[in-house]
Amino acid sequence: MISISMKKNSVLVFMMFALSLSLVCAGSYADKAKCSNGYAVYNVNTGLGYSTIQSAIDAQQTVASHTISVKEGIYHESVVITKSVSLIGENRNNTVIVGNEGDVVVHVKASDTTIKGFTIRDGYIGVYVVYSNDSLVTENILSNTTDAIHVRYSDNCMIHQNIVENNGQRGIFVTNSWNFTISDNCVCDNGWYGINANASVGGLIAGNNVCRNYYDGIGLGSNCSNCIIARNNVKNNILYGVWFDSDSGGNSIYHNNIADNGIQAIATLANHWDDGIEGNYWGNHADTDLNYDGIGDAAQVLNENNIDNYPLVGVFFSLQTLANHNINVISNSTIDSLVFFEYNHTIKMLVSNMTAGQTYGFCRVRIPHGLMVEPYNVHVDDTDPDYVNYALYHEGGDWWIYFSYRHSTLEVVIQGFPPPATTPPAVSIISPKSITYTTSSIILDFTVSEEPSWISYSLNGQANTTINGNITLSGLANGMHGIIVYASDSAENIGSSELVYFSVNVQQGESFPLLEIITIMTLIVVVALVSAYLRKASKKTRQ
C-alpha cells in the first residue's frame, strides 16, 4: 500500500518536473515553434508568439536578422519597422494588413529589412522606406492607397515581383536614392504614375508590366542619370509611355515594348535609346525591314538628342534560363511559350498569329554561347523555314539568327550543340548576409551552378581554405569581416562569388543566451529542492 506521504512526494515531484519541462520548452531552440502555437504572429528565431505584428517587432527578444512570420488573416495595424528584420506573410492573397486613411501602413525605418507575402491596402502610403538601405519589398499586393510603394533616401533597395494596382496617385516611387532595382512588377491602373524615380542615380527598371496609368508608365523626374530601363512592357498609359524630365539625361532605354500610349516617349537631354545592337519596339513605328534582320531600316527619332537607331519591328520577349543566360526573341508573332532544354541543347517556341489576318511571321533570336553553340538547325512544324539566316550577327558570347515562316499556330525548334567548357561555375553566397550578427558563429551557406570539383573560401583576405560544402564559421571576432567563395568545375574553370561584407557584434557576457542560463539555473534549483525534500521525508519515515 502506498502511503499518503509517498503520494504527496509523487505529486510534488510531478509538479516540479512539469515546471522544469515548461521552462525547458521556453528555452530550447528545438521546441520554439511548438511553444508559439495559437499565435497568429511569431518570431521564427525565438519561437515567441504575439497577437499583433507590431508587438512582435517591438519585443525585446526580437533583434536584427530575425524573421517575423505572420499567418493568414486581416491585421488592422500601422506597422513601424525599426529593426533589421524580415516580415514574411503566409500567403500574399490572404495575409492582409489594413491601414487607416492618412497613415503609412508599413513604415520601414531600418536597413536590411524584407517585406514579403502580404496584401497591403487602405492607407496613405502602403510601404514607406526611408533612410533604410539594402531593403527588399517583394511578392506583395498593394492597392487602394495614395502611394503604394515610396522609397526615399535609401540606397541599394529592391522592389521585386509585386502587384501594384488601383492606387490613387503613385504606384512605385523612388526619390533621392542610389542603385535601386525595380523588377518584374505589375504596375497598372494607378491614378498618377506607374513607376517613377526622382533625383536618383544608377537605378535599374527592368521586366515590369506597366499599363493604364494616367500620367505616365515609367518616368524619370528631376536629375536622374545612369539609369537602365529595359525589358519592360509599357502600354496603354494615358498621357505618356516613357517620360523624362527636362534635366534627366545619360540614361539607357532598350528592349522595351512601348505601344498604345498617348505619347510613346518624351525626353530633352541626351539619352541612349538602344544598346548599339537593338533598341525598342515602338507601336507607332511603321517602317520597312528590307534586309530581313528584325530591325527597322530607319531610326525612331524623338528629337536630335534622343534617337533609337535600331528600332525593333517585332515585339521583344526574353527567357532567363536556369544558367542565368537570357534568350531574347524579337517577333511579329505571339510567343505562347519559350522553353530551353539543357539536356539536348534545344530551344522550343510555340508561336501564333498576333493579328487575325496575319500570313507572315519572323523571329530574330539571340542565343548565348553559354547555352549552345552553332551550327544551329531551325524547324517550323518539322519543316524548314521559308527563309533563314544562321549568321545574322555575333558578338562576344552571343549569336543572332533570323528566320521567317507562313503563319498559323506553329512549333519552332532550334537545335544546337553543347557549349565548350569555358564558363566558370556561378557561385552565390546565401549566408552570411551584409548585416550585423550578434553571434560569433555564422553558417556559411552558398550555391554553385554546377557540380564542383573543388570549393574553398577566403575570410578577411586570408589564404583559401578548402571545404566540401556548407560549414559554420566559428570564433568570429567583433568587427567587420569579408568573405568570398571559390568553386572549380571539372574543366578547371574557377568561378567566385561576390565579396560579402558582414559585421559581428557580440556583447560581453551575451555569448550564452540569457534565457538558457535562467532555464539551467532553474533546473538546478528544482533538483536541489526536490532532493532536499525527499531526504527530509525519508528521515521522517524512518523515525
Protein backbone atom coordinates (compact mmCIF):
# COMPACT_ATOMS: atom_id res chain seq x y z
CA MET A 1 0.00 0.00 0.00
CA ILE A 2 1.28 3.44 -0.98
CA SER A 3 1.34 5.83 1.96
CA ILE A 4 -0.19 9.32 1.86
CA SER A 5 3.33 10.72 2.39
CA MET A 6 4.61 8.90 -0.68
CA LYS A 7 1.62 10.18 -2.71
CA LYS A 8 2.41 13.73 -1.64
CA ASN A 9 6.01 13.21 -2.62
CA SER A 10 4.98 11.87 -6.01
CA VAL A 11 2.66 14.81 -6.63
CA LEU A 12 5.35 17.27 -5.61
CA VAL A 13 7.92 15.59 -7.84
CA PHE A 14 5.45 15.61 -10.78
CA MET A 15 4.71 19.33 -10.29
CA MET A 16 8.41 20.14 -10.16
CA PHE A 17 9.00 18.06 -13.28
CA ALA A 18 6.17 19.83 -15.14
CA LEU A 19 7.56 23.22 -14.15
CA SER A 20 11.00 22.21 -15.34
CA LEU A 21 9.61 20.89 -18.62
CA SER A 22 7.76 24.15 -19.30
CA LEU A 23 10.96 26.11 -18.68
CA VAL A 24 12.89 23.85 -20.99
CA CYS A 25 10.25 24.44 -23.65
CA ALA A 26 10.67 28.17 -23.20
CA GLY A 27 14.41 27.98 -23.51
CA SER A 28 15.03 25.20 -26.01
CA TYR A 29 15.57 26.37 -29.59
CA ALA A 30 14.49 22.98 -30.91
CA ASP A 31 10.98 23.39 -29.47
CA LYS A 32 10.44 27.13 -30.00
CA ALA A 33 7.88 26.76 -32.76
CA LYS A 34 5.86 24.34 -30.61
CA CYS A 35 5.76 26.84 -27.76
CA SER A 36 4.22 29.53 -30.03
CA ASN A 37 1.15 27.51 -31.04
CA GLY A 38 -2.03 29.55 -31.07
CA TYR A 39 -0.45 32.87 -32.01
CA ALA A 40 -1.02 34.44 -35.42
CA VAL A 41 2.37 36.16 -35.35
CA TYR A 42 5.61 34.62 -34.13
CA ASN A 43 9.33 35.13 -34.20
CA VAL A 44 10.87 32.23 -36.09
CA ASN A 45 14.20 32.66 -34.29
CA THR A 46 12.92 32.80 -30.71
CA GLY A 47 9.66 30.89 -31.14
CA LEU A 48 7.76 33.52 -29.15
CA GLY A 49 4.20 34.25 -30.26
CA TYR A 50 2.42 37.60 -30.43
CA SER A 51 -1.09 38.86 -31.05
CA THR A 52 -0.01 41.72 -33.36
CA ILE A 53 2.73 42.35 -35.90
CA GLN A 54 3.90 45.47 -34.10
CA SER A 55 4.27 43.75 -30.74
CA ALA A 56 6.44 41.06 -32.38
CA ILE A 57 8.75 43.72 -33.83
CA ASP A 58 8.91 45.77 -30.62
CA ALA A 59 9.61 42.78 -28.37
CA GLN A 60 12.94 42.94 -26.56
CA GLN A 61 13.74 39.41 -27.70
CA THR A 62 13.43 40.44 -31.38
CA VAL A 63 16.79 41.61 -32.70
CA ALA A 64 18.48 42.21 -36.05
CA SER A 65 18.35 39.38 -38.62
CA HIS A 66 15.28 37.78 -37.00
CA THR A 67 12.28 36.68 -39.08
CA ILE A 68 8.70 37.52 -38.09
CA SER A 69 6.18 35.09 -39.59
CA VAL A 70 2.57 36.19 -39.99
CA LYS A 71 -0.26 33.71 -40.55
CA GLU A 72 -3.18 34.31 -42.91
CA GLY A 73 -5.70 36.82 -41.60
CA ILE A 74 -6.62 40.50 -41.58
CA TYR A 75 -4.44 42.78 -39.42
CA HIS A 76 -5.70 46.31 -38.76
CA GLU A 77 -2.37 47.92 -37.96
CA SER A 78 0.02 50.68 -38.89
CA VAL A 79 3.33 48.83 -38.65
CA VAL A 80 6.64 50.59 -37.94
CA ILE A 81 9.80 48.54 -38.53
CA THR A 82 12.74 49.86 -36.51
CA LYS A 83 14.89 46.70 -36.62
CA SER A 84 16.65 44.85 -39.44
CA VAL A 85 14.12 42.03 -39.60
CA SER A 86 12.28 40.05 -42.26
CA LEU A 87 8.49 40.34 -42.15
CA ILE A 88 7.03 37.35 -44.02
CA GLY A 89 3.34 36.73 -44.69
CA GLU A 90 1.98 33.21 -45.10
CA ASN A 91 0.10 33.97 -48.33
CA ARG A 92 0.00 37.32 -50.09
CA ASN A 93 -3.62 36.89 -51.15
CA ASN A 94 -4.90 36.17 -47.65
CA THR A 95 -2.41 37.82 -45.29
CA VAL A 96 -3.75 41.36 -45.26
CA ILE A 97 -2.51 44.47 -43.47
CA VAL A 98 -5.20 47.15 -43.47
CA GLY A 99 -4.14 50.70 -42.62
CA ASN A 100 -6.04 53.85 -41.81
CA GLU A 101 -6.66 56.65 -44.25
CA GLY A 102 -3.88 59.20 -43.90
CA ASP A 103 -1.44 56.75 -42.26
CA VAL A 104 1.51 54.75 -43.52
CA VAL A 105 0.57 51.06 -43.45
CA VAL A 106 4.15 49.68 -43.24
CA HIS A 107 6.82 52.23 -42.33
CA VAL A 108 10.38 50.91 -42.74
CA LYS A 109 12.97 52.82 -40.67
CA ALA A 110 15.75 50.22 -40.56
CA SER A 111 18.18 48.92 -43.17
CA ASP A 112 18.42 45.25 -44.22
CA THR A 113 14.69 44.63 -43.98
CA THR A 114 12.40 42.40 -46.04
CA ILE A 115 8.64 42.81 -46.58
CA LYS A 116 7.23 39.74 -48.35
CA GLY A 117 3.94 37.97 -48.87
CA PHE A 118 1.24 40.49 -47.90
CA THR A 119 -1.74 42.36 -49.27
CA ILE A 120 -1.23 45.94 -48.07
CA ARG A 121 -4.10 48.38 -48.52
CA ASP A 122 -6.19 51.27 -47.28
CA GLY A 123 -3.55 53.79 -46.19
CA TYR A 124 -1.89 56.96 -47.41
CA ILE A 125 1.35 55.09 -48.25
CA GLY A 126 1.38 51.31 -48.46
CA VAL A 127 5.11 50.71 -47.85
CA TYR A 128 7.30 53.71 -46.97
CA VAL A 129 11.05 53.03 -46.92
CA VAL A 130 13.06 55.98 -45.62
CA TYR A 131 16.77 56.11 -44.67
CA SER A 132 16.80 52.33 -44.92
CA ASN A 133 19.47 50.85 -47.20
CA ASP A 134 19.55 47.31 -48.62
CA SER A 135 15.86 46.68 -48.09
CA LEU A 136 13.63 44.34 -50.12
CA VAL A 137 9.91 44.66 -50.89
CA THR A 138 8.81 41.55 -52.78
CA GLU A 139 5.80 39.41 -53.68
CA ASN A 140 3.17 41.73 -52.19
CA ILE A 141 -0.14 43.12 -53.44
CA LEU A 142 -0.64 46.85 -52.88
CA SER A 143 -3.94 48.57 -53.64
CA ASN A 144 -6.30 51.31 -52.52
CA THR A 145 -3.56 53.53 -51.12
CA THR A 146 -2.50 57.00 -52.24
CA ASP A 147 1.13 55.94 -52.91
CA ALA A 148 1.69 52.18 -52.98
CA ILE A 149 5.49 51.98 -52.51
CA HIS A 150 7.56 55.04 -51.68
CA VAL A 151 11.36 54.84 -51.22
CA ARG A 152 13.27 57.93 -50.02
CA TYR A 153 16.95 58.45 -49.13
CA SER A 154 17.58 54.70 -49.25
CA ASP A 155 20.31 53.04 -51.32
CA ASN A 156 20.58 49.53 -52.80
CA CYS A 157 16.89 48.75 -52.32
CA MET A 158 14.96 46.24 -54.44
CA ILE A 159 11.26 46.25 -55.33
CA HIS A 160 10.54 42.90 -56.97
CA GLN A 161 7.53 40.88 -58.16
CA ASN A 162 4.80 42.97 -56.58
CA ILE A 163 1.31 43.65 -57.90
CA VAL A 164 0.66 47.40 -57.63
CA GLU A 165 -2.81 48.31 -58.88
CA ASN A 166 -5.62 50.80 -58.33
CA ASN A 167 -3.80 53.28 -56.12
CA GLY A 168 -4.83 56.93 -56.02
CA GLN A 169 -1.57 58.54 -57.11
CA ARG A 170 1.82 56.78 -57.43
CA GLY A 171 2.44 53.10 -57.98
CA ILE A 172 6.18 52.82 -57.24
CA PHE A 173 8.14 55.99 -56.44
CA VAL A 174 11.87 56.23 -55.62
CA THR A 175 13.47 59.55 -54.77
CA ASN A 176 16.95 60.70 -53.67
CA SER A 177 18.28 57.14 -53.74
CA TRP A 178 21.16 55.30 -55.42
CA ASN A 179 21.43 51.88 -57.08
CA PHE A 180 17.79 50.90 -56.76
CA THR A 181 16.17 47.97 -58.60
CA ILE A 182 12.52 47.82 -59.67
CA SER A 183 12.00 44.50 -61.43
CA ASP A 184 9.25 42.11 -62.57
CA ASN A 185 6.36 44.05 -61.03
CA CYS A 186 2.86 44.54 -62.42
CA VAL A 187 2.02 48.25 -62.07
CA CYS A 188 -1.33 49.15 -63.60
CA ASP A 189 -4.39 51.40 -63.23
CA ASN A 190 -2.84 53.93 -60.84
CA GLY A 191 -4.18 57.49 -60.69
CA TRP A 192 -0.91 59.34 -61.36
CA TYR A 193 2.26 57.45 -62.26
CA GLY A 194 3.18 53.82 -62.74
CA ILE A 195 6.92 53.68 -61.90
CA ASN A 196 8.78 56.94 -61.26
CA ALA A 197 12.20 57.90 -59.96
CA ASN A 198 13.34 61.37 -58.95
CA ALA A 199 16.80 62.78 -58.15
CA SER A 200 18.20 59.25 -58.20
CA VAL A 201 21.23 57.65 -59.85
CA GLY A 202 22.18 54.17 -61.02
CA GLY A 203 18.76 52.57 -60.98
CA LEU A 204 17.52 49.50 -62.88
CA ILE A 205 13.89 49.36 -64.02
CA ALA A 206 13.50 46.01 -65.78
CA GLY A 207 10.96 43.35 -66.67
CA ASN A 208 7.89 45.23 -65.44
CA ASN A 209 4.40 45.30 -66.92
CA VAL A 210 3.29 48.95 -66.74
CA CYS A 211 -0.12 49.75 -68.16
CA ARG A 212 -3.16 52.05 -67.95
CA ASN A 213 -1.60 54.57 -65.56
CA TYR A 214 -2.72 58.15 -66.05
CA TYR A 215 0.30 60.47 -66.32
CA ASP A 216 2.97 58.04 -67.48
CA GLY A 217 4.02 54.41 -67.32
CA ILE A 218 7.70 54.90 -66.49
CA GLY A 219 9.13 58.30 -65.64
CA LEU A 220 12.46 59.78 -64.57
CA GLY A 221 11.97 63.06 -62.76
CA SER A 222 14.46 65.77 -61.96
CA ASN A 223 18.19 64.93 -62.14
CA CYS A 224 18.04 61.20 -62.81
CA SER A 225 21.08 59.71 -64.55
CA ASN A 226 22.85 56.41 -65.28
CA CYS A 227 19.58 54.51 -65.01
CA ILE A 228 18.73 51.50 -67.20
CA ILE A 229 15.18 50.91 -68.41
CA ALA A 230 14.99 47.51 -70.15
CA ARG A 231 12.64 44.59 -70.94
CA ASN A 232 9.50 46.43 -69.80
CA ASN A 233 6.05 46.32 -71.37
CA VAL A 234 4.83 49.94 -71.36
CA LYS A 235 1.36 50.00 -72.86
CA ASN A 236 -1.92 51.91 -72.79
CA ASN A 237 -0.78 54.65 -70.40
CA ILE A 238 -2.97 57.72 -70.84
CA LEU A 239 -0.56 60.67 -71.33
CA TYR A 240 2.94 59.20 -71.78
CA GLY A 241 4.53 55.80 -72.05
CA VAL A 242 8.04 56.90 -71.02
CA TRP A 243 8.57 60.42 -69.66
CA PHE A 244 11.85 62.13 -68.75
CA ASP A 245 12.06 65.47 -67.02
CA SER A 246 14.00 68.17 -68.86
CA ASP A 247 17.11 67.75 -66.68
CA SER A 248 17.35 63.93 -66.72
CA GLY A 249 19.91 62.55 -69.16
CA GLY A 250 22.58 59.91 -69.67
CA ASN A 251 20.13 57.02 -69.20
CA SER A 252 19.81 53.86 -71.32
CA ILE A 253 16.49 52.59 -72.67
CA TYR A 254 16.35 49.41 -74.78
CA HIS A 255 14.47 46.11 -75.26
CA ASN A 256 11.19 47.69 -74.15
CA ASN A 257 7.79 47.29 -75.79
CA ILE A 258 6.36 50.83 -75.93
CA ALA A 259 2.94 50.85 -77.57
CA ASP A 260 -0.55 52.36 -77.50
CA ASN A 261 0.32 55.19 -75.11
CA GLY A 262 -0.96 58.76 -75.52
CA ILE A 263 2.59 59.87 -76.42
CA GLN A 264 5.04 56.99 -76.62
CA ALA A 265 8.04 58.81 -75.10
CA ILE A 266 9.35 62.30 -74.37
CA ALA A 267 12.83 63.46 -73.31
CA THR A 268 15.01 66.59 -73.60
CA LEU A 269 18.60 65.84 -72.57
CA ALA A 270 20.51 63.17 -74.47
CA ASN A 271 19.75 59.54 -73.58
CA HIS A 272 20.63 56.20 -75.19
CA TRP A 273 17.60 54.52 -76.76
CA ASP A 274 19.43 51.37 -77.91
CA ASP A 275 22.33 49.19 -76.75
CA GLY A 276 24.27 49.58 -80.00
CA ILE A 277 22.67 46.43 -81.46
CA GLU A 278 18.95 46.59 -80.66
CA GLY A 279 16.58 49.28 -79.46
CA ASN A 280 12.88 49.22 -78.55
CA TYR A 281 9.63 48.14 -80.14
CA TRP A 282 7.51 51.22 -80.89
CA GLY A 283 3.83 50.71 -81.56
CA ASN A 284 3.80 53.74 -83.88
CA HIS A 285 6.93 52.84 -85.87
CA ALA A 286 5.65 51.72 -89.28
CA ASP A 287 8.91 51.07 -91.12
CA THR A 288 10.29 48.54 -93.55
CA ASP A 289 12.79 45.76 -92.92
CA LEU A 290 14.18 45.20 -96.40
CA ASN A 291 17.28 43.33 -95.23
CA TYR A 292 15.30 40.86 -93.07
CA ASP A 293 17.01 41.22 -89.71
CA GLY A 294 14.15 42.28 -87.42
CA ILE A 295 15.46 45.87 -87.17
CA GLY A 296 13.73 48.79 -88.87
CA ASP A 297 15.54 50.37 -91.80
CA ALA A 298 15.00 53.89 -90.38
CA ALA A 299 15.65 55.19 -86.87
CA GLN A 300 12.94 56.17 -84.39
CA VAL A 301 13.59 59.86 -83.73
CA LEU A 302 12.17 61.61 -80.66
CA ASN A 303 14.39 64.64 -81.15
CA GLU A 304 18.02 65.33 -82.05
CA ASN A 305 19.20 64.20 -78.60
CA ASN A 306 17.04 61.09 -78.35
CA ILE A 307 17.23 58.63 -81.25
CA ASP A 308 16.61 54.89 -81.33
CA ASN A 309 19.00 53.82 -84.08
CA TYR A 310 17.85 50.18 -84.08
CA PRO A 311 14.07 50.13 -83.58
CA LEU A 312 12.59 46.64 -83.41
CA VAL A 313 9.97 45.69 -85.99
CA GLY A 314 8.66 42.96 -83.69
CA VAL A 315 7.77 42.68 -80.02
CA PHE A 316 10.58 41.83 -77.59
CA PHE A 317 10.41 38.63 -75.50
CA SER A 318 13.03 37.25 -73.12
CA LEU A 319 13.60 33.99 -71.23
CA GLN A 320 16.11 33.74 -68.39
CA THR A 321 17.38 30.16 -68.15
CA LEU A 322 18.49 28.31 -65.04
CA ALA A 323 22.09 29.01 -66.04
CA ASN A 324 21.32 32.77 -65.87
CA HIS A 325 21.57 33.26 -69.63
CA ASN A 326 18.91 35.27 -71.46
CA ILE A 327 17.39 34.02 -74.72
CA ASN A 328 15.94 37.09 -76.45
CA VAL A 329 13.36 36.89 -79.23
CA ILE A 330 12.07 39.71 -81.43
CA SER A 331 9.00 38.61 -83.35
CA ASN A 332 5.81 39.79 -85.04
CA SER A 333 4.20 36.59 -83.76
CA THR A 334 2.72 35.98 -80.33
CA ILE A 335 5.15 33.79 -78.36
CA ASP A 336 2.83 31.48 -76.46
CA SER A 337 5.72 29.64 -74.81
CA LEU A 338 9.52 29.77 -74.84
CA VAL A 339 11.50 26.93 -73.23
CA PHE A 340 15.15 25.84 -73.24
CA PHE A 341 16.03 22.17 -72.76
CA GLU A 342 19.56 21.84 -71.48
CA TYR A 343 19.84 18.07 -71.84
CA ASN A 344 19.63 18.21 -75.66
CA HIS A 345 20.54 21.88 -76.23
CA THR A 346 17.22 22.83 -77.77
CA ILE A 347 15.04 25.95 -77.76
CA LYS A 348 11.35 25.30 -78.31
CA MET A 349 8.77 28.01 -79.05
CA LEU A 350 5.04 27.96 -79.73
CA VAL A 351 4.03 30.89 -81.95
CA SER A 352 0.66 32.09 -83.18
CA ASN A 353 -0.84 34.97 -85.13
CA MET A 354 -0.60 38.38 -83.48
CA THR A 355 -3.38 39.71 -85.71
CA ALA A 356 -6.31 37.90 -87.29
CA GLY A 357 -5.28 38.32 -90.92
CA GLN A 358 -1.56 37.73 -90.43
CA THR A 359 0.06 35.47 -93.02
CA TYR A 360 3.78 36.10 -92.43
CA GLY A 361 5.87 35.73 -89.31
CA PHE A 362 9.51 36.07 -88.32
CA CYS A 363 11.78 35.59 -85.30
CA ARG A 364 15.11 37.23 -84.54
CA VAL A 365 16.72 35.13 -81.79
CA ARG A 366 19.75 35.90 -79.64
CA ILE A 367 21.36 32.66 -78.42
CA PRO A 368 24.04 32.85 -75.70
CA HIS A 369 27.07 30.66 -76.39
CA GLY A 370 26.90 29.57 -72.76
CA LEU A 371 23.74 27.59 -73.62
CA MET A 372 24.55 26.10 -77.01
CA VAL A 373 26.76 26.79 -80.00
CA GLU A 374 26.49 26.69 -83.78
CA PRO A 375 25.86 25.16 -86.18
CA TYR A 376 22.16 25.67 -85.45
CA ASN A 377 19.20 24.00 -87.12
CA VAL A 378 15.69 25.52 -87.19
CA HIS A 379 12.49 23.61 -87.92
CA VAL A 380 8.98 25.07 -88.04
CA ASP A 381 6.43 22.30 -87.56
CA ASP A 382 9.13 19.81 -88.62
CA THR A 383 9.87 21.63 -91.90
CA ASP A 384 12.49 24.17 -92.94
CA PRO A 385 11.63 27.87 -92.57
CA ASP A 386 10.76 29.87 -95.69
CA TYR A 387 13.90 31.92 -95.06
CA VAL A 388 16.72 31.54 -92.55
CA ASN A 389 19.96 33.39 -91.78
CA TYR A 390 22.14 31.44 -89.36
CA ALA A 391 24.88 34.08 -89.35
CA LEU A 392 22.90 37.26 -88.84
CA TYR A 393 25.25 38.71 -86.23
CA HIS A 394 27.57 37.63 -83.45
CA GLU A 395 29.36 39.46 -80.69
CA GLY A 396 31.37 38.03 -77.83
CA GLY A 397 29.50 35.09 -76.42
CA ASP A 398 26.21 35.74 -78.27
CA TRP A 399 24.92 34.66 -81.67
CA TRP A 400 21.88 36.02 -83.56
CA ILE A 401 19.81 34.11 -86.13
CA TYR A 402 16.75 35.14 -88.17
CA PHE A 403 14.05 33.05 -89.85
CA SER A 404 10.58 33.54 -91.31
CA TYR A 405 7.54 31.34 -91.98
CA ARG A 406 3.98 31.31 -93.26
CA HIS A 407 1.74 31.94 -90.31
CA SER A 408 -0.56 29.82 -88.21
CA THR A 409 -0.10 28.23 -84.79
CA LEU A 410 3.31 26.61 -85.07
CA GLU A 411 6.00 24.84 -83.08
CA VAL A 412 9.50 26.21 -83.64
CA VAL A 413 12.51 24.08 -82.63
CA ILE A 414 16.08 25.44 -82.65
CA GLN A 415 18.72 22.72 -82.19
CA GLY A 416 22.35 23.49 -81.27
CA PHE A 417 25.43 21.81 -79.84
CA PRO A 418 26.90 21.66 -76.33
CA PRO A 419 28.85 24.77 -75.34
CA PRO A 420 32.59 24.48 -74.70
CA ALA A 421 33.54 24.10 -71.08
CA THR A 422 34.87 27.62 -70.68
CA THR A 423 32.19 29.14 -68.47
CA PRO A 424 33.14 29.09 -64.78
CA PRO A 425 30.53 27.97 -62.27
CA ALA A 426 28.36 30.71 -60.78
CA VAL A 427 28.76 30.97 -57.01
CA SER A 428 26.27 32.81 -54.78
CA ILE A 429 26.56 33.31 -51.02
CA ILE A 430 23.25 32.95 -49.17
CA SER A 431 24.69 33.37 -45.67
CA PRO A 432 26.23 35.43 -44.22
CA LYS A 433 24.35 38.48 -45.44
CA SER A 434 25.53 42.08 -45.36
CA ILE A 435 24.17 42.70 -41.87
CA THR A 436 25.38 42.80 -38.25
CA TYR A 437 25.23 39.47 -36.35
CA THR A 438 25.06 39.14 -32.57
CA THR A 439 26.74 35.74 -32.55
CA SER A 440 30.30 34.67 -33.25
CA SER A 441 29.19 31.50 -35.09
CA ILE A 442 27.63 32.03 -38.53
CA ILE A 443 26.66 29.44 -41.16
CA LEU A 444 28.45 29.77 -44.50
CA ASP A 445 25.69 28.78 -46.94
CA PHE A 446 26.20 29.08 -50.70
CA THR A 447 25.12 27.68 -54.06
CA VAL A 448 27.18 26.59 -57.07
CA SER A 449 25.55 26.42 -60.52
CA GLU A 450 27.15 23.07 -61.41
CA GLU A 451 28.77 20.11 -59.68
CA PRO A 452 32.09 21.47 -58.35
CA SER A 453 35.36 19.58 -58.28
CA TRP A 454 36.79 21.89 -55.63
CA ILE A 455 35.45 24.57 -53.25
CA SER A 456 37.26 27.00 -50.99
CA TYR A 457 36.68 30.25 -49.17
CA SER A 458 38.78 33.21 -48.12
CA LEU A 459 37.91 35.10 -44.95
CA ASN A 460 39.28 38.62 -44.49
CA GLY A 461 41.74 38.21 -47.36
CA GLN A 462 43.48 35.22 -45.78
CA ALA A 463 44.66 32.13 -47.66
CA ASN A 464 41.96 29.92 -49.16
CA THR A 465 40.50 27.13 -47.01
CA THR A 466 39.28 24.07 -48.89
CA ILE A 467 35.81 22.78 -47.90
CA ASN A 468 33.31 20.18 -49.13
CA GLY A 469 30.13 22.21 -48.65
CA ASN A 470 28.35 24.47 -46.18
CA ILE A 471 30.16 24.98 -42.88
CA THR A 472 29.90 27.06 -39.71
CA LEU A 473 32.31 29.96 -39.27
CA SER A 474 33.16 29.86 -35.57
CA GLY A 475 35.01 32.16 -33.21
CA LEU A 476 34.49 35.29 -35.28
CA ALA A 477 35.82 38.43 -33.64
CA ASN A 478 33.75 41.58 -33.23
CA GLY A 479 34.02 43.94 -36.18
CA MET A 480 33.77 43.91 -39.96
CA HIS A 481 34.52 40.75 -41.98
CA GLY A 482 34.67 39.96 -45.69
CA ILE A 483 34.21 36.55 -47.27
CA ILE A 484 34.39 35.17 -50.80
CA VAL A 485 33.75 31.60 -52.03
CA TYR A 486 35.52 29.96 -54.99
CA ALA A 487 34.49 26.86 -56.96
CA SER A 488 36.09 24.95 -59.83
CA ASP A 489 34.35 22.70 -62.36
CA SER A 490 35.73 19.53 -63.92
CA ALA A 491 37.37 21.58 -66.70
CA GLU A 492 39.20 23.68 -64.07
CA ASN A 493 37.18 26.80 -64.77
CA ILE A 494 37.16 28.73 -61.50
CA GLY A 495 34.21 30.91 -60.50
CA SER A 496 33.84 33.12 -57.46
CA SER A 497 31.07 34.75 -55.51
CA GLU A 498 30.82 38.43 -54.83
CA LEU A 499 32.75 39.64 -51.80
CA VAL A 500 30.22 39.80 -48.95
CA TYR A 501 30.90 42.11 -46.03
CA PHE A 502 29.22 41.50 -42.68
CA SER A 503 29.71 42.57 -39.08
CA VAL A 504 29.86 40.71 -35.76
CA ASN A 505 28.88 42.44 -32.53
CA VAL A 506 28.71 40.01 -29.59
CA GLN A 507 28.17 41.92 -26.34
CA GLN A 508 30.36 40.89 -23.41
CA GLY A 509 28.68 38.16 -21.42
CA GLU A 510 25.97 37.54 -24.01
CA SER A 511 27.62 34.70 -25.86
CA PHE A 512 25.36 32.30 -23.96
CA PRO A 513 21.65 33.23 -24.21
CA LEU A 514 20.18 34.67 -21.02
CA LEU A 515 17.07 32.53 -21.34
CA GLU A 516 19.18 29.39 -21.49
CA ILE A 517 21.11 30.46 -18.36
CA ILE A 518 17.86 31.09 -16.45
CA THR A 519 16.49 27.72 -17.57
CA ILE A 520 19.59 25.81 -16.42
CA MET A 521 19.75 27.64 -13.07
CA THR A 522 16.05 26.95 -12.50
CA LEU A 523 16.56 23.25 -13.20
CA ILE A 524 19.46 23.12 -10.72
CA VAL A 525 17.36 24.79 -8.01
CA VAL A 526 14.40 22.48 -8.71
CA VAL A 527 16.56 19.36 -8.49
CA ALA A 528 18.15 20.59 -5.25
CA LEU A 529 14.77 21.37 -3.65
CA VAL A 530 13.31 18.02 -4.66
CA SER A 531 16.36 16.15 -3.34
CA ALA A 532 16.27 18.02 -0.03
CA TYR A 533 12.56 17.41 0.39
CA LEU A 534 12.89 13.70 -0.34
CA ARG A 535 15.77 13.34 2.14
CA LYS A 536 13.73 15.12 4.79
CA ALA A 537 10.69 12.97 4.08
CA SER A 538 12.83 9.84 4.24
CA LYS A 539 14.15 10.77 7.69
CA LYS A 540 10.61 11.31 8.99
CA THR A 541 9.58 7.91 7.64
CA ARG A 542 12.46 6.15 9.42
CA GLN A 543 11.57 7.91 12.68
